[in-house]
Amino acid sequence: MTFPAPNHFDGKKFFNPPQFSFPDEPAPGNRRRFTILRWLFSLRFRWPDARPQRVHALPPPPAPGTVTVTFINHATFLLCIGRIAKPPLRILTDPVFSERCSPFRNFGPRRVTPPGIPLADLPPIDIVAISHCHYDHLDLPTLRFLARRDSPFCVTPLGNARFLRKAGMKRIVELDWWQNHMCGDDLTVTVTPARHNSARTPFDRNRALWGGFHFSTPAGTLYFSGDSAHGTHWQMIRDRLGSPDIAILPIGAYAPRPIMRRAHTDPEEGFAAYQTLAPRHAFGMHYGTFQLSEEGIDEPAARLRLATRAAGLPDETFECLENGESRTITEATICHDKKSG
């Protein structure tokens, strides 16, 4: 197969294959009705300017066969994989620690909640996974810090390496959907499809690919979706790669639906994705840090909890963690971290 695959690349730009849509999906809304500025300045639910967070300590390094999942903020997770006779493998997804997710220093979405772990307090990072180039997922100041301190290996969908090189990253692999790469002798990462888009400027829309990641590790399989709308690709991922042990799925930045339906899932759609993928454990992401949409700050977690309970499942089946909160996942249990502060 040649890459990029022609089913999502027209020779100049990437696109979402039509088969990712459900047959009964509503027609696209009239976006002209909702200019971004008009929408931002007329939000129904204004988030607070700041929300303090409880202090959470990082758990100890995981034992072999164990995974520690730490939610830092937004789509930034620290995944620590316990290995036999080796230090833990540390993967950081879409690291964003800046005050704003914007190309401008004094304009654009500003964080409401601080990162759960300060950037300087992160343990050494082995792998950075960047799902796409939007500013709330690809943060150059954060990447520059990590490049200087850790020189991690970076994996990303096609077209994003130029941004990582700008941040000083040296070890980079770009992958198309379904391509995989061996990282050492005990980790295989596969870039998976997502239903989204990309841009850093008004002139580079969809010039770089978006996607998620499937990690096959000594402690099991982990799936990080990246940003995605709801679609048939969830079933494709399960059919090709199997049900992951752990899934991290988006549940926020979904309102108003005429704008967001084809880019982000709402909590009920996130739960439907969970049901399709059938992981042993799932965690929500893309909520509670930056106000990127119209819903209230606590709405995604509340609606996900309702969907989980309506299905007769315990809350910890599909959790929304606080910034800095961790879970240690073994063969059959989730161990909750100890809170302080």
Protein backbone atom coordinates (compact mmCIF):
# COMPACT_ATOMS: atom_id res chain seq x y z
CA MET A 1 0.00 0.00 0.00
CA THR A 2 1.21 3.51 -0.75
CA PHE A 3 0.95 6.24 1.85
CA PRO A 4 -0.91 8.48 2.30
CA ALA A 5 -3.76 6.15 1.39
CA PRO A 6 -6.05 7.66 -1.28
CA ASN A 7 -9.22 7.01 0.72
CA HIS A 8 -8.38 9.99 2.95
CA PHE A 9 -5.92 12.09 0.88
CA ASP A 10 -6.68 13.88 -2.41
CA GLY A 11 -3.10 14.75 -3.31
CA LYS A 12 -3.12 18.05 -1.44
CA LYS A 13 -5.32 17.70 1.63
CA PHE A 14 -6.49 15.02 4.00
CA PHE A 15 -10.20 14.36 4.51
CA ASN A 16 -12.57 12.16 6.49
CA PRO A 17 -13.81 9.21 4.43
CA PRO A 18 -17.59 9.35 3.85
CA GLN A 19 -17.95 5.84 5.26
CA PHE A 20 -17.04 7.19 8.71
CA SER A 21 -20.52 8.78 8.85
CA PHE A 22 -23.55 6.93 10.14
CA PRO A 23 -26.39 6.52 7.60
CA ASP A 24 -28.91 8.32 9.83
CA GLU A 25 -26.59 11.20 10.71
CA PRO A 26 -28.12 14.72 10.59
CA ALA A 27 -27.17 16.92 7.66
CA PRO A 28 -24.41 19.46 8.35
CA GLY A 29 -25.59 22.65 10.04
CA ASN A 30 -25.25 26.06 8.45
CA ARG A 31 -21.91 27.19 9.86
CA ARG A 32 -22.33 30.68 8.43
CA ARG A 33 -24.91 31.21 11.10
CA PHE A 34 -22.24 30.71 13.75
CA THR A 35 -19.09 32.70 13.17
CA ILE A 36 -16.50 31.68 15.74
CA LEU A 37 -16.19 35.15 17.26
CA ARG A 38 -19.94 35.62 17.59
CA TRP A 39 -20.19 32.24 19.23
CA LEU A 40 -17.31 32.84 21.66
CA PHE A 41 -18.74 36.16 22.81
CA SER A 42 -22.26 34.81 23.36
CA LEU A 43 -21.61 31.61 25.30
CA ARG A 44 -24.53 30.35 27.34
CA PHE A 45 -22.28 28.97 30.05
CA ARG A 46 -19.31 31.09 31.02
CA TRP A 47 -16.68 29.09 32.81
CA PRO A 48 -15.02 30.57 35.90
CA ASP A 49 -11.80 32.47 35.33
CA ALA A 50 -9.93 29.94 37.44
CA ARG A 51 -10.68 26.76 39.33
CA PRO A 52 -8.19 25.55 41.94
CA GLN A 53 -7.29 21.87 41.96
CA ARG A 54 -6.50 19.49 44.76
CA VAL A 55 -2.89 18.38 44.95
CA HIS A 56 -2.20 14.86 43.71
CA ALA A 57 1.09 13.05 44.14
CA LEU A 58 2.39 10.86 41.34
CA PRO A 59 2.06 7.19 42.29
CA PRO A 60 5.19 5.04 42.58
CA PRO A 61 6.55 3.38 39.43
CA PRO A 62 4.25 0.57 38.33
CA ALA A 63 5.15 -3.06 38.82
CA PRO A 64 5.71 -5.25 35.75
CA GLY A 65 2.44 -5.94 33.98
CA THR A 66 0.82 -2.86 35.52
CA VAL A 67 -0.17 0.46 33.96
CA THR A 68 -0.48 3.79 35.74
CA VAL A 69 -2.73 6.34 34.03
CA THR A 70 -2.37 9.96 35.19
CA PHE A 71 -4.65 12.67 33.82
CA ILE A 72 -2.70 15.93 33.64
CA ASN A 73 -5.20 18.11 31.78
CA HIS A 74 -7.32 18.28 28.62
CA ALA A 75 -5.87 15.51 26.41
CA THR A 76 -2.55 15.20 28.25
CA PHE A 77 -2.10 11.82 29.94
CA LEU A 78 1.01 10.29 31.44
CA LEU A 79 0.97 6.54 30.80
CA CYS A 80 3.53 4.55 32.79
CA ILE A 81 4.02 0.95 31.69
CA GLY A 82 5.62 -1.48 34.13
CA ARG A 83 8.22 -3.80 32.57
CA ILE A 84 10.29 -6.76 33.74
CA ALA A 85 13.95 -5.92 34.47
CA LYS A 86 13.57 -2.48 32.88
CA PRO A 87 12.51 0.97 34.05
CA PRO A 88 8.89 1.88 33.36
CA LEU A 89 8.09 3.09 29.86
CA ARG A 90 6.60 6.58 30.03
CA ILE A 91 4.31 7.87 27.27
CA LEU A 92 2.94 11.42 27.23
CA THR A 93 -0.05 12.20 25.02
CA ASP A 94 -0.71 15.63 23.47
CA PRO A 95 1.22 17.56 26.15
CA VAL A 96 -0.18 21.06 26.69
CA PHE A 97 1.06 23.09 29.67
CA SER A 98 0.82 26.66 28.29
CA GLU A 99 -1.61 29.24 29.66
CA ARG A 100 -3.38 29.57 26.31
CA CYS A 101 -4.05 27.16 23.46
CA SER A 102 -3.66 29.82 20.81
CA PRO A 103 -1.12 31.26 18.38
CA PHE A 104 -1.43 34.54 20.29
CA ARG A 105 0.06 35.34 23.68
CA ASN A 106 -2.85 37.51 24.87
CA PHE A 107 -5.83 36.20 22.94
CA GLY A 108 -7.51 32.83 22.65
CA PRO A 109 -8.75 30.18 25.08
CA ARG A 110 -7.02 30.54 28.44
CA ARG A 111 -6.75 27.70 30.90
CA VAL A 112 -9.18 27.60 33.79
CA THR A 113 -7.58 24.73 35.70
CA PRO A 114 -3.83 24.26 36.19
CA PRO A 115 -2.02 21.15 34.98
CA GLY A 116 -2.36 18.38 37.52
CA ILE A 117 1.41 17.85 37.47
CA PRO A 118 3.72 20.84 36.84
CA LEU A 119 5.77 20.45 33.68
CA ALA A 120 9.08 20.54 35.56
CA ASP A 121 7.86 17.78 37.90
CA LEU A 122 7.19 15.25 35.16
CA PRO A 123 9.40 12.17 35.27
CA PRO A 124 11.64 11.58 32.24
CA ILE A 125 9.47 10.99 29.18
CA ASP A 126 10.33 8.25 26.68
CA ILE A 127 7.65 8.78 24.03
CA VAL A 128 5.51 11.77 23.09
CA ALA A 129 2.40 11.03 21.01
CA ILE A 130 0.91 14.01 19.13
CA SER A 131 -2.52 13.27 17.63
CA HIS A 132 -2.85 16.38 15.44
CA CYS A 133 -1.68 19.97 15.12
CA HIS A 134 -4.45 22.01 16.78
CA TYR A 135 -3.10 24.33 19.47
CA ASP A 136 -4.86 22.51 22.31
CA HIS A 137 -2.96 19.34 21.36
CA LEU A 138 0.34 20.51 19.89
CA ASP A 139 1.91 23.09 22.22
CA LEU A 140 5.31 24.29 21.02
CA PRO A 141 6.57 25.75 24.35
CA THR A 142 5.83 22.46 26.10
CA LEU A 143 7.49 20.44 23.35
CA ARG A 144 10.58 22.68 23.44
CA PHE A 145 10.96 21.99 27.16
CA LEU A 146 10.64 18.24 26.66
CA ALA A 147 13.04 18.27 23.71
CA ARG A 148 15.71 20.03 25.77
CA ARG A 149 15.27 17.94 28.89
CA ASP A 150 14.41 14.45 27.66
CA SER A 151 14.87 14.27 23.88
CA PRO A 152 11.91 11.86 23.68
CA PHE A 153 10.92 9.78 20.68
CA CYS A 154 7.89 11.35 18.96
CA VAL A 155 5.13 9.61 17.01
CA THR A 156 2.50 11.51 15.06
CA PRO A 157 0.25 11.22 11.98
CA LEU A 158 1.51 12.32 8.58
CA GLY A 159 2.41 15.96 8.04
CA ASN A 160 3.03 16.95 11.66
CA ALA A 161 6.78 16.33 11.91
CA ARG A 162 7.58 19.85 10.71
CA PHE A 163 5.96 21.29 13.83
CA LEU A 164 7.87 18.90 16.08
CA ARG A 165 11.16 19.75 14.41
CA LYS A 166 10.36 23.42 15.02
CA ALA A 167 10.18 22.55 18.72
CA GLY A 168 13.60 20.91 18.61
CA MET A 169 12.49 17.29 18.51
CA LYS A 170 15.01 15.08 16.71
CA ARG A 171 13.59 11.55 16.84
CA ILE A 172 10.28 11.58 15.00
CA VAL A 173 8.23 9.07 13.05
CA GLU A 174 5.18 10.04 10.99
CA LEU A 175 2.58 7.36 10.28
CA ASP A 176 -0.53 7.06 8.18
CA TRP A 177 -3.69 5.47 9.54
CA TRP A 178 -3.08 1.77 10.29
CA GLN A 179 0.69 2.06 9.95
CA ASN A 180 2.67 0.87 12.97
CA HIS A 181 6.14 1.33 14.37
CA MET A 182 8.21 -0.72 16.80
CA CYS A 183 9.66 1.38 19.62
CA GLY A 184 12.39 -0.78 21.08
CA ASP A 185 11.61 -4.45 21.59
CA ASP A 186 8.45 -4.19 23.68
CA LEU A 187 6.20 -1.44 22.31
CA THR A 188 4.31 -1.24 19.03
CA VAL A 189 2.39 1.93 18.26
CA THR A 190 -0.26 2.07 15.53
CA VAL A 191 -1.83 5.30 14.30
CA THR A 192 -5.59 4.84 14.12
CA PRO A 193 -8.28 6.73 12.19
CA ALA A 194 -10.17 9.63 13.71
CA ARG A 195 -12.91 11.86 12.36
CA HIS A 196 -11.57 15.37 12.73
CA ASN A 197 -9.55 18.05 10.91
CA SER A 198 -6.33 20.03 11.28
CA ALA A 199 -4.93 23.56 10.98
CA ARG A 200 -2.38 25.87 12.59
CA THR A 201 -3.12 28.87 10.35
CA PRO A 202 -5.89 29.93 7.93
CA PHE A 203 -3.72 28.63 5.09
CA ASP A 204 -2.87 25.05 6.08
CA ARG A 205 -6.25 23.50 6.80
CA ASN A 206 -6.11 19.69 6.56
CA ARG A 207 -2.54 19.69 5.24
CA ALA A 208 -1.56 17.39 8.13
CA LEU A 209 -3.32 14.22 9.19
CA TRP A 210 -5.12 13.62 12.49
CA GLY A 211 -5.54 10.34 14.32
CA GLY A 212 -5.32 8.32 17.49
CA PHE A 213 -2.85 5.77 18.84
CA HIS A 214 -2.99 2.10 19.77
CA PHE A 215 -0.13 1.03 22.02
CA SER A 216 0.71 -2.65 22.38
CA THR A 217 2.82 -2.94 25.54
CA PRO A 218 4.10 -5.60 27.97
CA ALA A 219 1.26 -4.58 30.31
CA GLY A 220 -1.55 -4.76 27.76
CA THR A 221 -3.04 -2.58 25.04
CA LEU A 222 -3.91 1.10 25.37
CA TYR A 223 -5.93 3.23 22.97
CA PHE A 224 -5.81 7.03 22.90
CA SER A 225 -8.36 8.37 20.44
CA GLY A 226 -7.15 11.93 19.93
CA ASP A 227 -9.89 14.35 18.93
CA SER A 228 -12.70 12.70 17.01
CA ALA A 229 -16.33 12.99 16.11
CA HIS A 230 -18.54 9.95 16.53
CA GLY A 231 -18.44 7.54 13.62
CA THR A 232 -18.05 4.05 12.24
CA HIS A 233 -14.27 4.14 12.68
CA TRP A 234 -14.62 2.94 16.28
CA GLN A 235 -15.85 -0.42 14.98
CA MET A 236 -13.08 -0.51 12.36
CA ILE A 237 -10.49 -0.03 15.10
CA ARG A 238 -11.93 -2.84 17.19
CA ASP A 239 -12.20 -5.14 14.16
CA ARG A 240 -8.55 -4.61 13.18
CA LEU A 241 -6.84 -4.24 16.54
CA GLY A 242 -9.22 -5.85 19.03
CA SER A 243 -10.70 -4.38 22.18
CA PRO A 244 -8.05 -2.44 24.12
CA ASP A 245 -7.45 -3.03 27.79
CA ILE A 246 -7.56 0.74 28.40
CA ALA A 247 -9.24 3.39 26.25
CA ILE A 248 -8.99 7.18 26.55
CA LEU A 249 -11.93 8.78 24.76
CA PRO A 250 -13.10 12.37 24.14
CA ILE A 251 -16.25 13.64 25.81
CA GLY A 252 -15.98 17.46 25.74
CA ALA A 253 -16.07 20.56 23.51
CA TYR A 254 -19.26 19.42 21.80
CA ALA A 255 -21.69 22.37 21.89
CA PRO A 256 -23.30 23.80 19.84
CA ARG A 257 -23.82 20.60 17.90
CA PRO A 258 -24.27 22.21 14.44
CA ILE A 259 -20.63 23.35 14.71
CA MET A 260 -19.09 20.53 16.72
CA ARG A 261 -20.89 17.37 15.59
CA ARG A 262 -18.35 16.56 12.88
CA ALA A 263 -15.30 17.24 15.02
CA HIS A 264 -16.05 16.24 18.64
CA THR A 265 -18.11 13.64 20.46
CA ASP A 266 -20.55 14.53 23.19
CA PRO A 267 -20.61 12.39 26.38
CA GLU A 268 -23.32 10.05 25.13
CA GLU A 269 -21.42 9.49 21.88
CA GLY A 270 -18.25 8.95 23.88
CA PHE A 271 -20.08 6.28 25.86
CA ALA A 272 -21.32 4.70 22.62
CA ALA A 273 -17.70 4.61 21.43
CA TYR A 274 -16.79 2.88 24.70
CA GLN A 275 -19.51 0.29 24.11
CA THR A 276 -18.26 -0.34 20.58
CA LEU A 277 -14.59 -0.63 21.53
CA ALA A 278 -15.36 -2.63 24.71
CA PRO A 279 -12.21 -1.83 26.72
CA ARG A 280 -11.76 -3.16 30.25
CA HIS A 281 -11.30 0.39 31.56
CA ALA A 282 -11.97 3.79 30.00
CA PHE A 283 -11.15 7.40 30.82
CA GLY A 284 -12.64 10.59 29.47
CA MET A 285 -10.63 13.49 28.12
CA HIS A 286 -10.99 16.92 26.49
CA TYR A 287 -12.91 18.58 29.33
CA GLY A 288 -12.44 21.01 32.19
CA THR A 289 -9.27 22.87 31.16
CA PHE A 290 -9.98 25.29 28.28
CA GLN A 291 -13.40 26.62 27.34
CA LEU A 292 -13.52 25.67 23.67
CA SER A 293 -17.28 25.32 23.37
CA GLU A 294 -20.64 26.20 24.83
CA GLU A 295 -21.30 23.52 27.46
CA GLY A 296 -20.69 24.20 31.15
CA ILE A 297 -17.44 23.16 32.76
CA ASP A 298 -18.96 20.26 34.74
CA GLU A 299 -21.47 19.11 32.12
CA PRO A 300 -19.35 16.51 30.25
CA ALA A 301 -18.49 14.51 33.38
CA ALA A 302 -22.07 14.71 34.69
CA ARG A 303 -23.58 13.51 31.42
CA LEU A 304 -21.05 10.71 31.10
CA ARG A 305 -21.88 9.57 34.63
CA LEU A 306 -25.59 9.48 33.73
CA ALA A 307 -24.90 7.47 30.58
CA THR A 308 -22.74 4.99 32.49
CA ARG A 309 -25.32 4.51 35.22
CA ALA A 310 -28.16 4.21 32.70
CA ALA A 311 -26.31 1.23 31.24
CA GLY A 312 -26.16 -0.35 34.69
CA LEU A 313 -22.40 0.06 35.01
CA PRO A 314 -20.40 1.41 37.96
CA ASP A 315 -18.92 4.90 37.64
CA GLU A 316 -15.34 3.62 37.56
CA THR A 317 -16.05 1.74 34.32
CA PHE A 318 -15.60 4.99 32.36
CA GLU A 319 -14.11 7.69 34.57
CA CYS A 320 -13.47 11.39 34.43
CA LEU A 321 -10.41 12.11 36.55
CA GLU A 322 -9.39 15.37 38.14
CA ASN A 323 -6.24 17.01 36.84
CA GLY A 324 -3.34 15.13 38.43
CA GLU A 325 -5.41 12.14 39.50
CA SER A 326 -4.07 8.65 38.76
CA ARG A 327 -5.30 5.10 38.45
CA THR A 328 -3.11 2.03 38.66
CA ILE A 329 -4.52 -0.77 36.56
CA THR A 330 -3.59 -4.38 37.12
CA GLU A 331 -5.05 -7.56 35.71
CA ALA A 332 -8.42 -7.14 37.37
CA THR A 333 -8.53 -4.01 39.49
CA ILE A 334 -8.23 -0.26 39.46
CA CYS A 335 -6.28 1.16 42.41
CA HIS A 336 -7.19 4.77 43.22
CA ASP A 337 -4.45 7.22 44.04
CA LYS A 338 -4.21 8.91 47.42
CA LYS A 339 -5.22 12.56 47.41
CA SER A 340 -3.49 15.21 49.46
CA GLY A 341 -4.05 18.89 50.03
